[in-house]
PDB file of all heavy atoms in Angstrom:
ATOM      1  N   SER A   1     104.663 104.776 113.227  1.00  0.00           N
ATOM      2  CA  SER A   1     103.762 103.667 113.569  1.00  0.00           C
ATOM      3  C   SER A   1     103.651 102.683 112.410  1.00  0.00           C
ATOM      4  O   SER A   1     103.999 102.995 111.263  1.00  0.00           O
ATOM      5  CB  SER A   1     102.368 104.201 113.913  1.00  0.00           C
ATOM      6  OG  SER A   1     101.762 104.732 112.741  1.00  0.00           O
ATOM      7  N   LYS A   2     103.131 101.498 112.715  1.00  0.00           N
ATOM      8  CA  LYS A   2     102.879 100.493 111.674  1.00  0.00           C
ATOM      9  C   LYS A   2     101.952 101.049 110.610  1.00  0.00           C
ATOM     10  O   LYS A   2     102.175 100.878 109.420  1.00  0.00           O
ATOM     11  CB  LYS A   2     102.203  99.249 112.284  1.00  0.00           C
ATOM     12  CG  LYS A   2     103.088  98.298 112.981  1.00  0.00           C
ATOM     13  CD  LYS A   2     102.244  97.101 113.413  1.00  0.00           C
ATOM     14  CE  LYS A   2     103.082  96.065 114.098  1.00  0.00           C
ATOM     15  NZ  LYS A   2     102.299  94.877 114.448  1.00  0.00           N
ATOM     16  N   GLU A   3     100.903 101.708 111.074  1.00  0.00           N
ATOM     17  CA  GLU A   3      99.892 102.240 110.151  1.00  0.00           C
ATOM     18  C   GLU A   3     100.501 103.266 109.205  1.00  0.00           C
ATOM     19  O   GLU A   3     100.223 103.271 108.006  1.00  0.00           O
ATOM     20  CB  GLU A   3      98.729 102.853 110.935  1.00  0.00           C
ATOM     21  CG  GLU A   3      97.915 101.851 111.733  1.00  0.00           C
ATOM     22  CD  GLU A   3      98.590 101.395 113.036  1.00  0.00           C
ATOM     23  OE1 GLU A   3      99.534 102.071 113.516  1.00  0.00           O
ATOM     24  OE2 GLU A   3      98.167 100.346 113.568  1.00  0.00           O
ATOM     25  N   ARG A   4     101.352 104.145 109.736  1.00  0.00           N
ATOM     26  CA  ARG A   4     101.998 105.169 108.901  1.00  0.00           C
ATOM     27  C   ARG A   4     102.958 104.509 107.909  1.00  0.00           C
ATOM     28  O   ARG A   4     103.030 104.917 106.746  1.00  0.00           O
ATOM     29  CB  ARG A   4     102.734 106.175 109.788  1.00  0.00           C
ATOM     30  CG  ARG A   4     103.455 107.243 109.028  1.00  0.00           C
ATOM     31  CD  ARG A   4     102.488 108.187 108.330  1.00  0.00           C
ATOM     32  NE  ARG A   4     103.247 109.209 107.627  1.00  0.00           N
ATOM     33  CZ  ARG A   4     102.924 109.691 106.449  1.00  0.00           C
ATOM     34  NH1 ARG A   4     101.827 109.279 105.843  1.00  0.00           N
ATOM     35  NH2 ARG A   4     103.659 110.598 105.860  1.00  0.00           N
ATOM     36  N   ALA A   5     103.676 103.487 108.342  1.00  0.00           N
ATOM     37  CA  ALA A   5     104.592 102.775 107.443  1.00  0.00           C
ATOM     38  C   ALA A   5     103.823 102.136 106.289  1.00  0.00           C
ATOM     39  O   ALA A   5     104.269 102.162 105.143  1.00  0.00           O
ATOM     40  CB  ALA A   5     105.385 101.733 108.218  1.00  0.00           C
ATOM     41  N   VAL A   6     102.652 101.572 106.574  1.00  0.00           N
ATOM     42  CA  VAL A   6     101.832 100.965 105.520  1.00  0.00           C
ATOM     43  C   VAL A   6     101.356 102.046 104.547  1.00  0.00           C
ATOM     44  O   VAL A   6     101.377 101.855 103.322  1.00  0.00           O
ATOM     45  CB  VAL A   6     100.641 100.179 106.124  1.00  0.00           C
ATOM     46  CG1 VAL A   6      99.661  99.763 105.038  1.00  0.00           C
ATOM     47  CG2 VAL A   6     101.150  98.972 106.886  1.00  0.00           C
ATOM     48  N   GLU A   7     100.935 103.196 105.071  1.00  0.00           N
ATOM     49  CA  GLU A   7     100.526 104.314 104.203  1.00  0.00           C
ATOM     50  C   GLU A   7     101.652 104.703 103.253  1.00  0.00           C
ATOM     51  O   GLU A   7     101.425 104.880 102.049  1.00  0.00           O
ATOM     52  CB  GLU A   7     100.175 105.550 105.034  1.00  0.00           C
ATOM     53  CG  GLU A   7      98.849 105.529 105.725  1.00  0.00           C
ATOM     54  CD  GLU A   7      98.662 106.787 106.580  1.00  0.00           C
ATOM     55  OE1 GLU A   7      99.192 107.860 106.206  1.00  0.00           O
ATOM     56  OE2 GLU A   7      98.007 106.686 107.608  1.00  0.00           O
ATOM     57  N   LEU A   8     102.843 104.886 103.807  1.00  0.00           N
ATOM     58  CA  LEU A   8     103.993 105.274 102.994  1.00  0.00           C
ATOM     59  C   LEU A   8     104.326 104.208 101.960  1.00  0.00           C
ATOM     60  O   LEU A   8     104.661 104.520 100.810  1.00  0.00           O
ATOM     61  CB  LEU A   8     105.199 105.543 103.898  1.00  0.00           C
ATOM     62  CG  LEU A   8     105.063 106.742 104.837  1.00  0.00           C
ATOM     63  CD1 LEU A   8     106.171 106.727 105.890  1.00  0.00           C
ATOM     64  CD2 LEU A   8     105.088 108.042 104.055  1.00  0.00           C
ATOM     65  N   ALA A   9     104.226 102.941 102.341  1.00  0.00           N
ATOM     66  CA  ALA A   9     104.521 101.842 101.413  1.00  0.00           C
ATOM     67  C   ALA A   9     103.497 101.775 100.290  1.00  0.00           C
ATOM     68  O   ALA A   9     103.853 101.556  99.130  1.00  0.00           O
ATOM     69  CB  ALA A   9     104.571 100.520 102.173  1.00  0.00           C
ATOM     70  N   ARG A  10     102.223 101.986 100.619  1.00  0.00           N
ATOM     71  CA  ARG A  10     101.170 101.947  99.588  1.00  0.00           C
ATOM     72  C   ARG A  10     101.390 103.025  98.524  1.00  0.00           C
ATOM     73  O   ARG A  10     101.075 102.821  97.353  1.00  0.00           O
ATOM     74  CB  ARG A  10      99.791 102.092 100.208  1.00  0.00           C
ATOM     75  CG  ARG A  10      99.295 100.827 100.872  1.00  0.00           C
ATOM     76  CD  ARG A  10      97.874 101.032 101.409  1.00  0.00           C
ATOM     77  NE  ARG A  10      97.369  99.838 102.033  1.00  0.00           N
ATOM     78  CZ  ARG A  10      96.744  98.853 101.395  1.00  0.00           C
ATOM     79  NH1 ARG A  10      96.554  98.923 100.107  1.00  0.00           N
ATOM     80  NH2 ARG A  10      96.303  97.802 102.062  1.00  0.00           N
ATOM     81  N   LYS A  11     101.948 104.171  98.922  1.00  0.00           N
ATOM     82  CA  LYS A  11     102.232 105.236  97.954  1.00  0.00           C
ATOM     83  C   LYS A  11     103.303 104.811  96.958  1.00  0.00           C
ATOM     84  O   LYS A  11     103.347 105.323  95.844  1.00  0.00           O
ATOM     85  CB  LYS A  11     102.688 106.503  98.683  1.00  0.00           C
ATOM     86  CG  LYS A  11     101.586 107.190  99.440  1.00  0.00           C
ATOM     87  CD  LYS A  11     102.102 108.422 100.153  1.00  0.00           C
ATOM     88  CE  LYS A  11     101.003 109.059 100.986  1.00  0.00           C
ATOM     89  NZ  LYS A  11     101.495 110.221 101.747  1.00  0.00           N
ATOM     90  N   GLU A  12     104.156 103.886  97.355  1.00  0.00           N
ATOM     91  CA  GLU A  12     105.236 103.403  96.490  1.00  0.00           C
ATOM     92  C   GLU A  12     104.827 102.204  95.644  1.00  0.00           C
ATOM     93  O   GLU A  12     105.583 101.784  94.764  1.00  0.00           O
ATOM     94  CB  GLU A  12     106.459 103.022  97.332  1.00  0.00           C
ATOM     95  CG  GLU A  12     107.033 104.152  98.146  1.00  0.00           C
ATOM     96  CD  GLU A  12     107.622 105.260  97.296  1.00  0.00           C
ATOM     97  OE1 GLU A  12     108.182 104.971  96.224  1.00  0.00           O
ATOM     98  OE2 GLU A  12     107.521 106.423  97.713  1.00  0.00           O
ATOM     99  N   ALA A  13     103.662 101.637  95.919  1.00  0.00           N
ATOM    100  CA  ALA A  13     103.238 100.406  95.245  1.00  0.00           C
ATOM    101  C   ALA A  13     103.024 100.638  93.754  1.00  0.00           C
ATOM    102  O   ALA A  13     102.508 101.679  93.340  1.00  0.00           O
ATOM    103  CB  ALA A  13     101.956  99.878  95.882  1.00  0.00           C
ATOM    104  N   VAL A  14     103.432  99.655  92.947  1.00  0.00           N
ATOM    105  CA  VAL A  14     103.244  99.721  91.497  1.00  0.00           C
ATOM    106  C   VAL A  14     101.971  98.973  91.075  1.00  0.00           C
ATOM    107  O   VAL A  14     101.685  98.880  89.887  1.00  0.00           O
ATOM    108  CB  VAL A  14     104.480  99.176  90.747  1.00  0.00           C
ATOM    109  CG1 VAL A  14     105.689 100.062  91.004  1.00  0.00           C
ATOM    110  CG2 VAL A  14     104.773  97.738  91.135  1.00  0.00           C
ATOM    111  N   PHE A  15     101.238  98.454  92.028  1.00  0.00           N
ATOM    112  CA  PHE A  15      99.976  97.751  91.784  1.00  0.00           C
ATOM    113  C   PHE A  15      99.091  97.944  93.007  1.00  0.00           C
ATOM    114  O   PHE A  15      99.540  98.444  94.035  1.00  0.00           O
ATOM    115  CB  PHE A  15     100.212  96.252  91.510  1.00  0.00           C
ATOM    116  CG  PHE A  15     100.878  95.534  92.647  1.00  0.00           C
ATOM    117  CD1 PHE A  15     100.123  94.908  93.631  1.00  0.00           C
ATOM    118  CD2 PHE A  15     102.263  95.478  92.737  1.00  0.00           C
ATOM    119  CE1 PHE A  15     100.742  94.253  94.682  1.00  0.00           C
ATOM    120  CE2 PHE A  15     102.883  94.816  93.772  1.00  0.00           C
ATOM    121  CZ  PHE A  15     102.128  94.205  94.753  1.00  0.00           C
ATOM    122  N   GLU A  16      97.839  97.568  92.914  1.00  0.00           N
ATOM    123  CA  GLU A  16      96.918  97.675  94.042  1.00  0.00           C
ATOM    124  C   GLU A  16      97.013  96.390  94.879  1.00  0.00           C
ATOM    125  O   GLU A  16      96.554  95.332  94.468  1.00  0.00           O
ATOM    126  CB  GLU A  16      95.484  97.875  93.553  1.00  0.00           C
ATOM    127  CG  GLU A  16      94.484  98.118  94.667  1.00  0.00           C
ATOM    128  CD  GLU A  16      94.812  99.342  95.519  1.00  0.00           C
ATOM    129  OE1 GLU A  16      95.255 100.364  94.966  1.00  0.00           O
ATOM    130  OE2 GLU A  16      94.632  99.271  96.748  1.00  0.00           O
ATOM    131  N   PRO A  17      97.651  96.473  96.059  1.00  0.00           N
ATOM    132  CA  PRO A  17      97.822  95.257  96.865  1.00  0.00           C
ATOM    133  C   PRO A  17      96.516  94.804  97.502  1.00  0.00           C
ATOM    134  O   PRO A  17      95.684  95.620  97.891  1.00  0.00           O
ATOM    135  CB  PRO A  17      98.832  95.685  97.931  1.00  0.00           C
ATOM    136  CG  PRO A  17      98.693  97.154  98.023  1.00  0.00           C
ATOM    137  CD  PRO A  17      98.271  97.634  96.671  1.00  0.00           C
ATOM    138  N   GLU A  18      96.354  93.491  97.570  1.00  0.00           N
ATOM    139  CA  GLU A  18      95.202  92.907  98.251  1.00  0.00           C
ATOM    140  C   GLU A  18      95.506  92.674  99.727  1.00  0.00           C
ATOM    141  O   GLU A  18      94.613  92.717 100.559  1.00  0.00           O
ATOM    142  CB  GLU A  18      94.826  91.567  97.610  1.00  0.00           C
ATOM    143  CG  GLU A  18      94.379  91.668  96.175  1.00  0.00           C
ATOM    144  CD  GLU A  18      94.228  90.311  95.508  1.00  0.00           C
ATOM    145  OE1 GLU A  18      94.570  89.272  96.127  1.00  0.00           O
ATOM    146  OE2 GLU A  18      93.785  90.287  94.349  1.00  0.00           O
ATOM    147  N   HIS A  19      96.773  92.418 100.034  1.00  0.00           N
ATOM    148  CA  HIS A  19      97.179  92.077 101.395  1.00  0.00           C
ATOM    149  C   HIS A  19      98.465  92.826 101.771  1.00  0.00           C
ATOM    150  O   HIS A  19      99.245  93.197 100.905  1.00  0.00           O
ATOM    151  CB  HIS A  19      97.428  90.572 101.534  1.00  0.00           C
ATOM    152  CG  HIS A  19      96.301  89.730 101.040  1.00  0.00           C
ATOM    153  ND1 HIS A  19      95.143  89.573 101.744  1.00  0.00           N
ATOM    154  CD2 HIS A  19      96.158  89.021  99.899  1.00  0.00           C
ATOM    155  CE1 HIS A  19      94.329  88.785 101.069  1.00  0.00           C
ATOM    156  NE2 HIS A  19      94.926  88.435  99.940  1.00  0.00           N
ATOM    157  N   VAL A  20      98.652  92.970 103.082  1.00  0.00           N
ATOM    158  CA  VAL A  20      99.841  93.631 103.599  1.00  0.00           C
ATOM    159  C   VAL A  20     100.359  92.842 104.791  1.00  0.00           C
ATOM    160  O   VAL A  20      99.582  92.412 105.641  1.00  0.00           O
ATOM    161  CB  VAL A  20      99.531  95.078 104.047  1.00  0.00           C
ATOM    162  CG1 VAL A  20     100.743  95.718 104.691  1.00  0.00           C
ATOM    163  CG2 VAL A  20      99.033  95.912 102.890  1.00  0.00           C
ATOM    164  N   GLN A  21     101.661  92.641 104.829  1.00  0.00           N
ATOM    165  CA  GLN A  21     102.333  92.094 106.016  1.00  0.00           C
ATOM    166  C   GLN A  21     103.422  93.089 106.387  1.00  0.00           C
ATOM    167  O   GLN A  21     104.076  93.647 105.509  1.00  0.00           O
ATOM    168  CB  GLN A  21     102.969  90.731 105.738  1.00  0.00           C
ATOM    169  CG  GLN A  21     101.975  89.624 105.566  1.00  0.00           C
ATOM    170  CD  GLN A  21     102.677  88.286 105.366  1.00  0.00           C
ATOM    171  OE1 GLN A  21     103.883  88.196 105.215  1.00  0.00           O
ATOM    172  NE2 GLN A  21     101.887  87.223 105.359  1.00  0.00           N
ATOM    173  N   ILE A  22     103.600  93.301 107.684  1.00  0.00           N
ATOM    174  CA  ILE A  22     104.603  94.264 108.122  1.00  0.00           C
ATOM    175  C   ILE A  22     105.385  93.684 109.287  1.00  0.00           C
ATOM    176  O   ILE A  22     104.828  92.963 110.120  1.00  0.00           O
ATOM    177  CB  ILE A  22     103.946  95.609 108.494  1.00  0.00           C
ATOM    178  CG1 ILE A  22     104.998  96.663 108.818  1.00  0.00           C
ATOM    179  CG2 ILE A  22     102.954  95.446 109.623  1.00  0.00           C
ATOM    180  CD1 ILE A  22     104.450  98.076 108.899  1.00  0.00           C
ATOM    181  N   ARG A  23     106.664  93.991 109.321  1.00  0.00           N
ATOM    182  CA  ARG A  23     107.496  93.526 110.429  1.00  0.00           C
ATOM    183  C   ARG A  23     108.576  94.564 110.722  1.00  0.00           C
ATOM    184  O   ARG A  23     109.067  95.223 109.809  1.00  0.00           O
ATOM    185  CB  ARG A  23     108.084  92.158 110.156  1.00  0.00           C
ATOM    186  CG  ARG A  23     108.898  92.055 108.927  1.00  0.00           C
ATOM    187  CD  ARG A  23     108.732  90.662 108.304  1.00  0.00           C
ATOM    188  NE  ARG A  23     109.261  90.624 106.967  1.00  0.00           N
ATOM    189  CZ  ARG A  23     108.586  90.949 105.876  1.00  0.00           C
ATOM    190  NH1 ARG A  23     107.345  91.372 105.958  1.00  0.00           N
ATOM    191  NH2 ARG A  23     109.132  90.870 104.695  1.00  0.00           N
ATOM    192  N   PHE A  24     108.910  94.672 111.987  1.00  0.00           N
ATOM    193  CA  PHE A  24     109.950  95.589 112.439  1.00  0.00           C
ATOM    194  C   PHE A  24     111.244  94.822 112.540  1.00  0.00           C
ATOM    195  O   PHE A  24     111.301  93.780 113.191  1.00  0.00           O
ATOM    196  CB  PHE A  24     109.575  96.183 113.805  1.00  0.00           C
ATOM    197  CG  PHE A  24     110.601  97.137 114.346  1.00  0.00           C
ATOM    198  CD1 PHE A  24     110.674  98.428 113.876  1.00  0.00           C
ATOM    199  CD2 PHE A  24     111.483  96.730 115.319  1.00  0.00           C
ATOM    200  CE1 PHE A  24     111.621  99.311 114.366  1.00  0.00           C
ATOM    201  CE2 PHE A  24     112.436  97.596 115.829  1.00  0.00           C
ATOM    202  CZ  PHE A  24     112.500  98.900 115.342  1.00  0.00           C
ATOM    203  N   VAL A  25     112.274  95.301 111.866  1.00  0.00           N
ATOM    204  CA  VAL A  25     113.582  94.644 111.907  1.00  0.00           C
ATOM    205  C   VAL A  25     114.661  95.704 112.106  1.00  0.00           C
ATOM    206  O   VAL A  25     114.437  96.886 111.872  1.00  0.00           O
ATOM    207  CB  VAL A  25     113.868  93.833 110.616  1.00  0.00           C
ATOM    208  CG1 VAL A  25     112.921  92.675 110.477  1.00  0.00           C
ATOM    209  CG2 VAL A  25     113.807  94.712 109.387  1.00  0.00           C
ATOM    210  N   ARG A  26     115.816  95.257 112.544  1.00  0.00           N
ATOM    211  CA  ARG A  26     116.966  96.145 112.696  1.00  0.00           C
ATOM    212  C   ARG A  26     117.977  95.759 111.638  1.00  0.00           C
ATOM    213  O   ARG A  26     118.188  94.574 111.374  1.00  0.00           O
ATOM    214  CB  ARG A  26     117.555  96.005 114.094  1.00  0.00           C
ATOM    215  CG  ARG A  26     116.549  96.318 115.185  1.00  0.00           C
ATOM    216  CD  ARG A  26     117.181  96.537 116.512  1.00  0.00           C
ATOM    217  NE  ARG A  26     117.819  97.811 116.660  1.00  0.00           N
ATOM    218  CZ  ARG A  26     117.192  99.000 116.729  1.00  0.00           C
ATOM    219  NH1 ARG A  26     115.891  99.050 116.617  1.00  0.00           N
ATOM    220  NH2 ARG A  26     117.858 100.117 116.889  1.00  0.00           N
ATOM    221  N   ARG A  27     118.605  96.774 111.033  1.00  0.00           N
ATOM    222  CA  ARG A  27     119.629  96.465 110.041  1.00  0.00           C
ATOM    223  C   ARG A  27     120.702  97.532 110.042  1.00  0.00           C
ATOM    224  O   ARG A  27     120.466  98.658 110.457  1.00  0.00           O
ATOM    225  CB  ARG A  27     119.026  96.266 108.654  1.00  0.00           C
ATOM    226  CG  ARG A  27     118.457  97.478 108.004  1.00  0.00           C
ATOM    227  CD  ARG A  27     117.787  97.099 106.714  1.00  0.00           C
ATOM    228  NE  ARG A  27     118.248  97.956 105.630  1.00  0.00           N
ATOM    229  CZ  ARG A  27     117.741  97.980 104.434  1.00  0.00           C
ATOM    230  NH1 ARG A  27     116.751  97.174 104.121  1.00  0.00           N
ATOM    231  NH2 ARG A  27     118.210  98.772 103.522  1.00  0.00           N
ATOM    232  N   GLY A  28     121.867  97.152 109.569  1.00  0.00           N
ATOM    233  CA  GLY A  28     122.981  98.068 109.480  1.00  0.00           C
ATOM    234  C   GLY A  28     123.846  98.085 110.717  1.00  0.00           C
ATOM    235  O   GLY A  28     123.530  97.480 111.734  1.00  0.00           O
ATOM    236  N   ILE A  29     124.985  98.788 110.587  1.00  0.00           N
ATOM    237  CA  ILE A  29     125.904  98.990 111.712  1.00  0.00           C
ATOM    238  C   ILE A  29     126.219 100.471 111.740  1.00  0.00           C
ATOM    239  O   ILE A  29     126.804 100.973 110.781  1.00  0.00           O
ATOM    240  CB  ILE A  29     127.199  98.172 111.552  1.00  0.00           C
ATOM    241  CG1 ILE A  29     126.865  96.693 111.521  1.00  0.00           C
ATOM    242  CG2 ILE A  29     128.187  98.498 112.651  1.00  0.00           C
ATOM    243  CD1 ILE A  29     128.053  95.809 111.206  1.00  0.00           C
ATOM    244  N   PRO A  30     125.837 101.212 112.722  1.00  0.00           N
ATOM    245  CA  PRO A  30     125.051 100.780 113.870  1.00  0.00           C
ATOM    246  C   PRO A  30     123.633 100.432 113.431  1.00  0.00           C
ATOM    247  O   PRO A  30     123.146 100.959 112.433  1.00  0.00           O
ATOM    248  CB  PRO A  30     125.068 101.994 114.801  1.00  0.00           C
ATOM    249  CG  PRO A  30     125.273 103.158 113.905  1.00  0.00           C
ATOM    250  CD  PRO A  30     126.128 102.650 112.765  1.00  0.00           C
ATOM    251  N   SER A  31     123.012  99.533 114.159  1.00  0.00           N
ATOM    252  CA  SER A  31     121.701  99.056 113.735  1.00  0.00           C
ATOM    253  C   SER A  31     120.653 100.164 113.820  1.00  0.00           C
ATOM    254  O   SER A  31     120.710 101.036 114.673  1.00  0.00           O
ATOM    255  CB  SER A  31     121.272  97.852 114.565  1.00  0.00           C
ATOM    256  OG  SER A  31     121.011  98.231 115.890  1.00  0.00           O
ATOM    257  N   ARG A  32     119.733 100.112 112.875  1.00  0.00           N
ATOM    258  CA  ARG A  32     118.661 101.101 112.796  1.00  0.00           C
ATOM    259  C   ARG A  32     117.369 100.343 112.536  1.00  0.00           C
ATOM    260  O   ARG A  32     117.336  99.419 111.723  1.00  0.00           O
ATOM    261  CB  ARG A  32     118.956 102.068 111.667  1.00  0.00           C
ATOM    262  CG  ARG A  32     118.019 103.240 111.607  1.00  0.00           C
ATOM    263  CD  ARG A  32     118.676 104.358 110.808  1.00  0.00           C
ATOM    264  NE  ARG A  32     117.791 105.471 110.647  1.00  0.00           N
ATOM    265  CZ  ARG A  32     117.756 106.518 111.467  1.00  0.00           C
ATOM    266  NH1 ARG A  32     118.560 106.564 112.489  1.00  0.00           N
ATOM    267  NH2 ARG A  32     116.930 107.513 111.246  1.00  0.00           N
ATOM    268  N   GLY A  33     116.312 100.735 113.209  1.00  0.00           N
ATOM    269  CA  GLY A  33     115.032 100.065 113.038  1.00  0.00           C
ATOM    270  C   GLY A  33     114.360 100.471 111.742  1.00  0.00           C
ATOM    271  O   GLY A  33     114.351 101.647 111.371  1.00  0.00           O
ATOM    272  N   VAL A  34     113.825  99.479 111.046  1.00  0.00           N
ATOM    273  CA  VAL A  34     113.077  99.733 109.817  1.00  0.00           C
ATOM    274  C   VAL A  34     111.812  98.883 109.815  1.00  0.00           C
ATOM    275  O   VAL A  34     111.733  97.845 110.469  1.00  0.00           O
ATOM    276  CB  VAL A  34     113.905  99.426 108.544  1.00  0.00           C
ATOM    277  CG1 VAL A  34     115.103 100.338 108.433  1.00  0.00           C
ATOM    278  CG2 VAL A  34     114.319  97.982 108.473  1.00  0.00           C
ATOM    279  N   TRP A  35     110.822  99.370 109.086  1.00  0.00           N
ATOM    280  CA  TRP A  35     109.621  98.587 108.822  1.00  0.00           C
ATOM    281  C   TRP A  35     109.783  97.963 107.442  1.00  0.00           C
ATOM    282  O   TRP A  35     110.036  98.665 106.468  1.00  0.00           O
ATOM    283  CB  TRP A  35     108.376  99.470 108.824  1.00  0.00           C
ATOM    284  CG  TRP A  35     107.984  99.997 110.158  1.00  0.00           C
ATOM    285  CD1 TRP A  35     108.060 101.290 110.581  1.00  0.00           C
ATOM    286  CD2 TRP A  35     107.422  99.266 111.246  1.00  0.00           C
ATOM    287  NE1 TRP A  35     107.598 101.402 111.860  1.00  0.00           N
ATOM    288  CE2 TRP A  35     107.195 100.176 112.301  1.00  0.00           C
ATOM    289  CE3 TRP A  35     107.107  97.932 111.437  1.00  0.00           C
ATOM    290  CZ2 TRP A  35     106.657  99.786 113.514  1.00  0.00           C
ATOM    291  CZ3 TRP A  35     106.567  97.545 112.656  1.00  0.00           C
ATOM    292  CH2 TRP A  35     106.344  98.465 113.669  1.00  0.00           C
ATOM    293  N   ALA A  36     109.649  96.663 107.351  1.00  0.00           N
ATOM    294  CA  ALA A  36     109.632  95.954 106.072  1.00  0.00           C
ATOM    295  C   ALA A  36     108.167  95.660 105.774  1.00  0.00           C
ATOM    296  O   ALA A  36     107.530  94.868 106.469  1.00  0.00           O
ATOM    297  CB  ALA A  36     110.444  94.674 106.139  1.00  0.00           C
ATOM    298  N   VAL A  37     107.633  96.342 104.780  1.00  0.00           N
ATOM    299  CA  VAL A  37     106.213  96.229 104.447  1.00  0.00           C
ATOM    300  C   VAL A  37     106.081  95.414 103.169  1.00  0.00           C
ATOM    301  O   VAL A  37     106.555  95.828 102.106  1.00  0.00           O
ATOM    302  CB  VAL A  37     105.572  97.621 104.258  1.00  0.00           C
ATOM    303  CG1 VAL A  37     104.082  97.488 104.000  1.00  0.00           C
ATOM    304  CG2 VAL A  37     105.839  98.513 105.467  1.00  0.00           C
ATOM    305  N   SER A  38     105.451  94.256 103.272  1.00  0.00           N
ATOM    306  CA  SER A  38     105.226  93.394 102.109  1.00  0.00           C
ATOM    307  C   SER A  38     103.829  93.645 101.586  1.00  0.00           C
ATOM    308  O   SER A  38     102.841  93.482 102.315  1.00  0.00           O
ATOM    309  CB  SER A  38     105.369  91.926 102.487  1.00  0.00           C
ATOM    310  OG  SER A  38     106.663  91.664 102.980  1.00  0.00           O
ATOM    311  N   LEU A  39     103.739  94.048 100.329  1.00  0.00           N
ATOM    312  CA  LEU A  39     102.466  94.267  99.647  1.00  0.00           C
ATOM    313  C   LEU A  39     102.334  93.162  98.613  1.00  0.00           C
ATOM    314  O   LEU A  39     103.277  92.902  97.862  1.00  0.00           O
ATOM    315  CB  LEU A  39     102.472  95.634  98.960  1.00  0.00           C
ATOM    316  CG  LEU A  39     102.893  96.825  99.820  1.00  0.00           C
ATOM    317  CD1 LEU A  39     103.173  98.033  98.952  1.00  0.00           C
ATOM    318  CD2 LEU A  39     101.837  97.136 100.844  1.00  0.00           C
ATOM    319  N   TYR A  40     101.174  92.518  98.568  1.00  0.00           N
ATOM    320  CA  TYR A  40     101.056  91.422  97.613  1.00  0.00           C
ATOM    321  C   TYR A  40      99.620  91.170  97.202  1.00  0.00           C
ATOM    322  O   TYR A  40      98.668  91.620  97.843  1.00  0.00           O
ATOM    323  CB  TYR A  40     101.690  90.137  98.144  1.00  0.00           C
ATOM    324  CG  TYR A  40     101.084  89.591  99.418  1.00  0.00           C
ATOM    325  CD1 TYR A  40     100.150  88.556  99.380  1.00  0.00           C
ATOM    326  CD2 TYR A  40     101.443  90.095 100.661  1.00  0.00           C
ATOM    327  CE1 TYR A  40      99.607  88.046 100.548  1.00  0.00           C
ATOM    328  CE2 TYR A  40     100.912  89.596 101.820  1.00  0.00           C
ATOM    329  CZ  TYR A  40      99.986  88.571 101.762  1.00  0.00           C
ATOM    330  OH  TYR A  40      99.446  88.075 102.923  1.00  0.00           O
ATOM    331  N   GLN A  41      99.484  90.448  96.081  1.00  0.00           N
ATOM    332  CA  GLN A  41      98.202  89.985  95.562  1.00  0.00           C
ATOM    333  C   GLN A  41      98.225  88.466  95.552  1.00  0.00           C
ATOM    334  O   GLN A  41      99.249  87.868  95.240  1.00  0.00           O
ATOM    335  CB  GLN A  41      97.971  90.491  94.134  1.00  0.00           C
ATOM    336  CG  GLN A  41      97.787  91.973  94.026  1.00  0.00           C
ATOM    337  CD  GLN A  41      97.650  92.426  92.577  1.00  0.00           C
ATOM    338  OE1 GLN A  41      98.086  91.744  91.645  1.00  0.00           O
ATOM    339  NE2 GLN A  41      97.051  93.581  92.379  1.00  0.00           N
ATOM    340  N   GLY A  42      97.102  87.873  95.884  1.00  0.00           N
ATOM    341  CA  GLY A  42      97.015  86.415  95.895  1.00  0.00           C
ATOM    342  C   GLY A  42      97.319  85.859  97.278  1.00  0.00           C
ATOM    343  O   GLY A  42      97.492  86.608  98.241  1.00  0.00           O
ATOM    344  N   PRO A  43      97.409  84.530  97.367  1.00  0.00           N
ATOM    345  CA  PRO A  43      97.667  83.901  98.667  1.00  0.00           C
ATOM    346  C   PRO A  43      99.081  84.194  99.164  1.00  0.00           C
ATOM    347  O   PRO A  43     100.003  84.375  98.372  1.00  0.00           O
ATOM    348  CB  PRO A  43      97.470  82.411  98.391  1.00  0.00           C
ATOM    349  CG  PRO A  43      97.685  82.255  96.924  1.00  0.00           C
ATOM    350  CD  PRO A  43      97.268  83.554  96.288  1.00  0.00           C
ATOM    351  N   ALA A  44      99.233  84.212 100.468  1.00  0.00           N
ATOM    352  CA  ALA A  44     100.521  84.555 101.077  1.00  0.00           C
ATOM    353  C   ALA A  44     101.618  83.550 100.735  1.00  0.00           C
ATOM    354  O   ALA A  44     102.784  83.920 100.599  1.00  0.00           O
ATOM    355  CB  ALA A  44     100.374  84.666 102.591  1.00  0.00           C
TER     356      ALA A  44
END
């Protein structure tokens, strides 16, 4: 789930993020679904 992906991403963070953006994308051949979780501080 999105929520689980954010949890996993927060464990990898090297700083305390203020905001999170997440998107589902496909990559590779054969394509595989991944969550790209953006963690950031400050304005988007």
